[in-house]
Amino acid sequence: MALILAGTIAATTVGCVLSADRCGPDEMLAGDRCVCVGNAATTAHGCTPCGTNEVPGAMGCVCATGFVRGTDGACAAAPAAMGVACSASMPCTDATYNYCATSASGDGYCTTSGCTGDADCTGGYACNLTATPPYCQRPPTGQGMSCTAPADCAGTEATYCDTFQTHSCLVQGCTVTPNNCFEGSDCCDLTKFGVPMPICVAKGTCPQ
């Protein structure tokens, strides 16, 4: 099982098999591998510490819930109505953030609808063009966070801990067709390899 997933899930966290070498900057030992420490994210240059109001994401540091990235690159407080909890009995009342979207965990949050591309969204949100109407989708909470056991991913929307290769939290329970994973990810059905439900992996890494 470990060998199968090692070749198929190259998703979000840098891992290196240890011999006599120690882990690098902002890495920690998890079993026989180095993974990013809790508040560091995987980038093309290795593990990078996240800054103020940032948390690890699937492809680097992203703004924490309730914050958006401004033109200066820093994460500042999001508009008050953005991401507010909502439901059928508690609709979104803001003039701009008036669409109640459903997250991977089933919770509702207020966002904008009618987008035509990611440029129409802010705060790390991405335009979900597979939905009707298209809307600005919030990144899954916990996605890309370092983990060594499922308990480390509990309470987030990325509840599957990949303990075989990436040692990171991934979203599970997605649909392959249509692909309902967040921007940059594909829903991958690995149930034949023992993974209990389809999971979201980095785009292009799911075995065909």
C-alpha atoms as a PDB file:
ATOM      1  CA  MET A   1       0.000   0.000   0.000  1.00  0.00           C
ATOM      2  CA  ALA A   2       2.746   2.449   0.943  1.00  0.00           C
ATOM      3  CA  LEU A   3       4.619   1.754  -2.276  1.00  0.00           C
ATOM      4  CA  ILE A   4       1.513   2.278  -4.395  1.00  0.00           C
ATOM      5  CA  LEU A   5       0.665   5.629  -2.857  1.00  0.00           C
ATOM      6  CA  ALA A   6       4.276   6.760  -2.899  1.00  0.00           C
ATOM      7  CA  GLY A   7       4.171   6.644  -6.679  1.00  0.00           C
ATOM      8  CA  THR A   8       0.720   8.111  -7.139  1.00  0.00           C
ATOM      9  CA  ILE A   9       0.181  10.922  -4.647  1.00  0.00           C
ATOM     10  CA  ALA A  10       2.741  13.649  -5.178  1.00  0.00           C
ATOM     11  CA  ALA A  11       0.532  16.277  -3.704  1.00  0.00           C
ATOM     12  CA  THR A  12       1.549  18.905  -1.247  1.00  0.00           C
ATOM     13  CA  THR A  13       4.323  18.251   1.275  1.00  0.00           C
ATOM     14  CA  VAL A  14       8.017  17.743   0.728  1.00  0.00           C
ATOM     15  CA  GLY A  15       9.276  14.366   2.015  1.00  0.00           C
ATOM     16  CA  CYS A  16      12.800  12.934   2.062  1.00  0.00           C
ATOM     17  CA  VAL A  17      13.871   9.481   3.168  1.00  0.00           C
ATOM     18  CA  LEU A  18      16.349   9.832   6.010  1.00  0.00           C
ATOM     19  CA  SER A  19      19.602   7.999   6.442  1.00  0.00           C
ATOM     20  CA  ALA A  20      22.260   9.752   8.482  1.00  0.00           C
ATOM     21  CA  ASP A  21      21.111  13.152   7.269  1.00  0.00           C
ATOM     22  CA  ARG A  22      19.043  15.398   9.463  1.00  0.00           C
ATOM     23  CA  CYS A  23      15.938  17.312   8.419  1.00  0.00           C
ATOM     24  CA  GLY A  24      16.372  20.671   6.731  1.00  0.00           C
ATOM     25  CA  PRO A  25      15.150  24.128   7.779  1.00  0.00           C
ATOM     26  CA  ASP A  26      11.508  24.238   8.889  1.00  0.00           C
ATOM     27  CA  GLU A  27      11.222  20.431   8.667  1.00  0.00           C
ATOM     28  CA  MET A  28      10.548  17.806  11.311  1.00  0.00           C
ATOM     29  CA  LEU A  29      10.921  14.052  11.459  1.00  0.00           C
ATOM     30  CA  ALA A  30       7.743  12.005  10.925  1.00  0.00           C
ATOM     31  CA  GLY A  31       8.554   8.309  10.991  1.00  0.00           C
ATOM     32  CA  ASP A  32      11.406   7.910   8.533  1.00  0.00           C
ATOM     33  CA  ARG A  33      10.652  11.104   6.587  1.00  0.00           C
ATOM     34  CA  CYS A  34      11.108  14.834   6.897  1.00  0.00           C
ATOM     35  CA  VAL A  35       7.918  16.891   6.617  1.00  0.00           C
ATOM     36  CA  CYS A  36       7.156  20.584   7.001  1.00  0.00           C
ATOM     37  CA  VAL A  37       6.669  21.821  10.553  1.00  0.00           C
ATOM     38  CA  GLY A  38       3.167  22.836  11.574  1.00  0.00           C
ATOM     39  CA  ASN A  39       3.209  26.442  10.340  1.00  0.00           C
ATOM     40  CA  ALA A  40       5.326  25.938   7.223  1.00  0.00           C
ATOM     41  CA  ALA A  41       4.067  25.147   3.731  1.00  0.00           C
ATOM     42  CA  THR A  42       5.547  23.332   0.773  1.00  0.00           C
ATOM     43  CA  THR A  43       6.827  25.513  -2.065  1.00  0.00           C
ATOM     44  CA  ALA A  44       9.152  24.960  -5.000  1.00  0.00           C
ATOM     45  CA  HIS A  45      11.996  25.940  -2.661  1.00  0.00           C
ATOM     46  CA  GLY A  46      11.125  23.552   0.172  1.00  0.00           C
ATOM     47  CA  CYS A  47       9.338  24.269   3.454  1.00  0.00           C
ATOM     48  CA  THR A  48       8.569  27.960   3.905  1.00  0.00           C
ATOM     49  CA  PRO A  49       7.301  29.419   7.202  1.00  0.00           C
ATOM     50  CA  CYS A  50       3.950  31.138   6.913  1.00  0.00           C
ATOM     51  CA  GLY A  51       3.680  34.767   7.970  1.00  0.00           C
ATOM     52  CA  THR A  52       1.211  36.786   9.984  1.00  0.00           C
ATOM     53  CA  ASN A  53      -2.396  35.682   9.375  1.00  0.00           C
ATOM     54  CA  GLU A  54      -1.205  32.893   7.051  1.00  0.00           C
ATOM     55  CA  VAL A  55      -1.607  29.108   7.273  1.00  0.00           C
ATOM     56  CA  PRO A  56      -0.165  26.259   5.183  1.00  0.00           C
ATOM     57  CA  GLY A  57      -2.102  25.520   1.995  1.00  0.00           C
ATOM     58  CA  ALA A  58      -1.893  22.967  -0.796  1.00  0.00           C
ATOM     59  CA  MET A  59       0.699  24.904  -2.794  1.00  0.00           C
ATOM     60  CA  GLY A  60       2.169  27.318  -0.280  1.00  0.00           C
ATOM     61  CA  CYS A  61       1.018  29.681   2.447  1.00  0.00           C
ATOM     62  CA  VAL A  62      -2.520  31.050   2.161  1.00  0.00           C
ATOM     63  CA  CYS A  63      -4.461  33.576   4.203  1.00  0.00           C
ATOM     64  CA  ALA A  64      -6.148  32.175   7.296  1.00  0.00           C
ATOM     65  CA  THR A  65      -9.939  32.070   7.443  1.00  0.00           C
ATOM     66  CA  GLY A  66     -11.230  35.609   7.800  1.00  0.00           C
ATOM     67  CA  PHE A  67      -8.269  37.213   6.012  1.00  0.00           C
ATOM     68  CA  VAL A  68      -7.582  38.103   2.373  1.00  0.00           C
ATOM     69  CA  ARG A  69      -4.369  38.944   0.546  1.00  0.00           C
ATOM     70  CA  GLY A  70      -4.089  42.598  -0.372  1.00  0.00           C
ATOM     71  CA  THR A  71      -2.176  44.314  -3.165  1.00  0.00           C
ATOM     72  CA  ASP A  72       0.849  44.581  -0.848  1.00  0.00           C
ATOM     73  CA  GLY A  73       0.947  40.793  -0.492  1.00  0.00           C
ATOM     74  CA  ALA A  74      -0.015  40.789   3.192  1.00  0.00           C
ATOM     75  CA  CYS A  75      -3.084  39.050   4.629  1.00  0.00           C
ATOM     76  CA  ALA A  76      -5.510  41.616   6.044  1.00  0.00           C
ATOM     77  CA  ALA A  77      -8.946  41.219   7.586  1.00  0.00           C
ATOM     78  CA  ALA A  78     -11.515  40.158   4.996  1.00  0.00           C
ATOM     79  CA  PRO A  79     -14.705  42.125   4.380  1.00  0.00           C
ATOM     80  CA  ALA A  80     -17.061  41.463   7.293  1.00  0.00           C
ATOM     81  CA  ALA A  81     -19.605  39.556   5.177  1.00  0.00           C
ATOM     82  CA  MET A  82     -17.094  37.352   3.311  1.00  0.00           C
ATOM     83  CA  GLY A  83     -17.084  33.754   4.530  1.00  0.00           C
ATOM     84  CA  VAL A  84     -19.790  34.317   7.141  1.00  0.00           C
ATOM     85  CA  ALA A  85     -21.658  31.131   8.095  1.00  0.00           C
ATOM     86  CA  CYS A  86     -24.996  30.671   6.335  1.00  0.00           C
ATOM     87  CA  SER A  87     -27.751  28.114   5.762  1.00  0.00           C
ATOM     88  CA  ALA A  88     -31.234  27.793   4.277  1.00  0.00           C
ATOM     89  CA  SER A  89     -32.648  29.333   7.435  1.00  0.00           C
ATOM     90  CA  MET A  90     -29.842  31.897   7.784  1.00  0.00           C
ATOM     91  CA  PRO A  91     -29.271  33.400   4.301  1.00  0.00           C
ATOM     92  CA  CYS A  92     -26.543  35.827   3.242  1.00  0.00           C
ATOM     93  CA  THR A  93     -27.889  39.366   3.434  1.00  0.00           C
ATOM     94  CA  ASP A  94     -24.884  41.400   2.225  1.00  0.00           C
ATOM     95  CA  ALA A  95     -25.314  43.095  -1.162  1.00  0.00           C
ATOM     96  CA  THR A  96     -22.012  41.667  -2.484  1.00  0.00           C
ATOM     97  CA  TYR A  97     -21.456  38.427  -0.550  1.00  0.00           C
ATOM     98  CA  ASN A  98     -25.009  37.225  -1.043  1.00  0.00           C
ATOM     99  CA  TYR A  99     -24.490  33.620  -2.205  1.00  0.00           C
ATOM    100  CA  CYS A 100     -24.487  30.755   0.310  1.00  0.00           C
ATOM    101  CA  ALA A 101     -22.000  28.109  -0.852  1.00  0.00           C
ATOM    102  CA  THR A 102     -21.510  24.687   0.733  1.00  0.00           C
ATOM    103  CA  SER A 103     -18.029  23.642   1.859  1.00  0.00           C
ATOM    104  CA  ALA A 104     -16.544  20.147   1.682  1.00  0.00           C
ATOM    105  CA  SER A 105     -17.607  19.604   5.297  1.00  0.00           C
ATOM    106  CA  GLY A 106     -21.213  20.562   4.537  1.00  0.00           C
ATOM    107  CA  ASP A 107     -21.092  23.959   6.228  1.00  0.00           C
ATOM    108  CA  GLY A 108     -22.361  27.026   4.380  1.00  0.00           C
ATOM    109  CA  TYR A 109     -20.427  30.276   3.892  1.00  0.00           C
ATOM    110  CA  CYS A 110     -21.245  33.577   2.175  1.00  0.00           C
ATOM    111  CA  THR A 111     -19.410  34.441  -1.020  1.00  0.00           C
ATOM    112  CA  THR A 112     -20.010  35.994  -4.439  1.00  0.00           C
ATOM    113  CA  SER A 113     -21.579  34.307  -7.466  1.00  0.00           C
ATOM    114  CA  GLY A 114     -21.510  34.898 -11.211  1.00  0.00           C
ATOM    115  CA  CYS A 115     -17.713  34.809 -11.579  1.00  0.00           C
ATOM    116  CA  THR A 116     -16.157  34.028 -14.954  1.00  0.00           C
ATOM    117  CA  GLY A 117     -12.625  33.282 -13.740  1.00  0.00           C
ATOM    118  CA  ASP A 118     -10.321  33.393 -10.725  1.00  0.00           C
ATOM    119  CA  ALA A 119      -9.607  37.080 -11.341  1.00  0.00           C
ATOM    120  CA  ASP A 120     -13.151  37.815 -10.158  1.00  0.00           C
ATOM    121  CA  CYS A 121     -12.390  36.276  -6.742  1.00  0.00           C
ATOM    122  CA  THR A 122     -10.286  37.542  -3.844  1.00  0.00           C
ATOM    123  CA  GLY A 123      -8.729  36.153  -0.680  1.00  0.00           C
ATOM    124  CA  GLY A 124      -7.438  32.956  -2.268  1.00  0.00           C
ATOM    125  CA  TYR A 125     -10.922  31.986  -3.408  1.00  0.00           C
ATOM    126  CA  ALA A 126     -11.206  30.430  -6.897  1.00  0.00           C
ATOM    127  CA  CYS A 127     -14.042  30.555  -9.403  1.00  0.00           C
ATOM    128  CA  ASN A 128     -15.940  27.249  -9.428  1.00  0.00           C
ATOM    129  CA  LEU A 129     -17.160  27.110 -13.009  1.00  0.00           C
ATOM    130  CA  THR A 130     -18.699  23.622 -12.618  1.00  0.00           C
ATOM    131  CA  ALA A 131     -21.414  24.977 -10.318  1.00  0.00           C
ATOM    132  CA  THR A 132     -24.651  26.689 -11.324  1.00  0.00           C
ATOM    133  CA  PRO A 133     -24.316  29.570 -10.856  1.00  0.00           C
ATOM    134  CA  PRO A 134     -20.488  29.775 -10.825  1.00  0.00           C
ATOM    135  CA  TYR A 135     -19.263  31.126  -7.508  1.00  0.00           C
ATOM    136  CA  CYS A 136     -16.036  32.092  -5.737  1.00  0.00           C
ATOM    137  CA  GLN A 137     -15.079  28.964  -3.775  1.00  0.00           C
ATOM    138  CA  ARG A 138     -13.185  29.081  -0.494  1.00  0.00           C
ATOM    139  CA  PRO A 139     -10.023  26.939  -0.230  1.00  0.00           C
ATOM    140  CA  PRO A 140     -10.649  23.831   1.909  1.00  0.00           C
ATOM    141  CA  THR A 141      -9.538  24.412   5.482  1.00  0.00           C
ATOM    142  CA  GLY A 142      -6.629  22.196   6.500  1.00  0.00           C
ATOM    143  CA  GLN A 143      -5.603  21.216   2.973  1.00  0.00           C
ATOM    144  CA  GLY A 144      -1.824  20.769   2.820  1.00  0.00           C
ATOM    145  CA  MET A 145      -1.379  20.911   6.601  1.00  0.00           C
ATOM    146  CA  SER A 146       1.297  18.542   7.932  1.00  0.00           C
ATOM    147  CA  CYS A 147       0.005  15.425   9.692  1.00  0.00           C
ATOM    148  CA  THR A 148       1.159  12.103  11.062  1.00  0.00           C
ATOM    149  CA  ALA A 149      -2.299  10.696  11.912  1.00  0.00           C
ATOM    150  CA  PRO A 150      -5.972  11.403  11.043  1.00  0.00           C
ATOM    151  CA  ALA A 151      -6.416  13.165  14.383  1.00  0.00           C
ATOM    152  CA  ASP A 152      -4.108  15.929  13.124  1.00  0.00           C
ATOM    153  CA  CYS A 153      -6.628  16.726  10.363  1.00  0.00           C
ATOM    154  CA  ALA A 154      -9.734  16.588  12.552  1.00  0.00           C
ATOM    155  CA  GLY A 155     -11.917  19.669  12.578  1.00  0.00           C
ATOM    156  CA  THR A 156     -10.871  20.737   9.071  1.00  0.00           C
ATOM    157  CA  GLU A 157     -12.314  20.085   5.611  1.00  0.00           C
ATOM    158  CA  ALA A 158      -9.237  18.024   4.678  1.00  0.00           C
ATOM    159  CA  THR A 159      -9.828  15.043   6.957  1.00  0.00           C
ATOM    160  CA  TYR A 160      -7.666  12.386   5.210  1.00  0.00           C
ATOM    161  CA  CYS A 161      -4.063  12.144   6.436  1.00  0.00           C
ATOM    162  CA  ASP A 162      -1.740  10.766   3.762  1.00  0.00           C
ATOM    163  CA  THR A 163       0.692   8.895   6.000  1.00  0.00           C
ATOM    164  CA  PHE A 164       2.347   7.120   3.065  1.00  0.00           C
ATOM    165  CA  GLN A 165       3.992   9.873   1.029  1.00  0.00           C
ATOM    166  CA  THR A 166       3.127  13.519   1.604  1.00  0.00           C
ATOM    167  CA  HIS A 167       2.263  13.403   5.328  1.00  0.00           C
ATOM    168  CA  SER A 168      -0.347  16.078   4.701  1.00  0.00           C
ATOM    169  CA  CYS A 169      -4.092  16.547   5.116  1.00  0.00           C
ATOM    170  CA  LEU A 170      -6.156  16.007   1.951  1.00  0.00           C
ATOM    171  CA  VAL A 171      -9.847  16.431   1.166  1.00  0.00           C
ATOM    172  CA  GLN A 172     -11.714  13.137   0.863  1.00  0.00           C
ATOM    173  CA  GLY A 173     -15.175  12.207  -0.382  1.00  0.00           C
ATOM    174  CA  CYS A 174     -14.913  14.194  -3.634  1.00  0.00           C
ATOM    175  CA  THR A 175     -16.583  13.293  -6.949  1.00  0.00           C
ATOM    176  CA  VAL A 176     -14.531  12.388 -10.020  1.00  0.00           C
ATOM    177  CA  THR A 177     -17.171  13.482 -12.550  1.00  0.00           C
ATOM    178  CA  PRO A 178     -17.682  16.333 -12.257  1.00  0.00           C
ATOM    179  CA  ASN A 179     -14.432  17.034 -10.457  1.00  0.00           C
ATOM    180  CA  ASN A 180     -15.452  19.058  -7.403  1.00  0.00           C
ATOM    181  CA  CYS A 181     -12.003  19.499  -5.870  1.00  0.00           C
ATOM    182  CA  PHE A 182     -10.593  22.965  -5.329  1.00  0.00           C
ATOM    183  CA  GLU A 183      -8.667  24.745  -8.097  1.00  0.00           C
ATOM    184  CA  GLY A 184      -5.419  22.934  -8.956  1.00  0.00           C
ATOM    185  CA  SER A 185      -6.613  19.549  -7.653  1.00  0.00           C
ATOM    186  CA  ASP A 186      -8.195  16.447  -9.200  1.00  0.00           C
ATOM    187  CA  CYS A 187     -10.511  13.975  -7.510  1.00  0.00           C
ATOM    188  CA  CYS A 188      -8.686  10.643  -7.528  1.00  0.00           C
ATOM    189  CA  ASP A 189     -10.392   7.307  -6.820  1.00  0.00           C
ATOM    190  CA  LEU A 190      -7.821   5.110  -5.067  1.00  0.00           C
ATOM    191  CA  THR A 191     -10.315   2.807  -3.349  1.00  0.00           C
ATOM    192  CA  LYS A 192      -8.812  -0.212  -5.126  1.00  0.00           C
ATOM    193  CA  PHE A 193      -5.570   0.599  -3.314  1.00  0.00           C
ATOM    194  CA  GLY A 194      -7.280   0.686   0.081  1.00  0.00           C
ATOM    195  CA  VAL A 195      -7.983   4.423   0.351  1.00  0.00           C
ATOM    196  CA  PRO A 196     -11.549   4.450   1.752  1.00  0.00           C
ATOM    197  CA  MET A 197     -12.906   7.340  -0.352  1.00  0.00           C
ATOM    198  CA  PRO A 198     -11.789   9.359  -3.399  1.00  0.00           C
ATOM    199  CA  ILE A 199      -9.370  12.133  -2.402  1.00  0.00           C
ATOM    200  CA  CYS A 200      -8.261  15.429  -3.915  1.00  0.00           C
ATOM    201  CA  VAL A 201      -4.671  15.294  -5.167  1.00  0.00           C
ATOM    202  CA  ALA A 202      -2.504  17.761  -7.092  1.00  0.00           C
ATOM    203  CA  LYS A 203      -3.699  18.129 -10.673  1.00  0.00           C
ATOM    204  CA  GLY A 204      -2.108  15.589 -13.036  1.00  0.00           C
ATOM    205  CA  THR A 205      -0.883  13.201 -10.320  1.00  0.00           C
ATOM    206  CA  CYS A 206      -3.800  10.740 -10.221  1.00  0.00           C
ATOM    207  CA  PRO A 207      -2.902   7.427 -11.995  1.00  0.00           C
ATOM    208  CA  GLN A 208      -4.919   6.800 -15.144  1.00  0.00           C
END
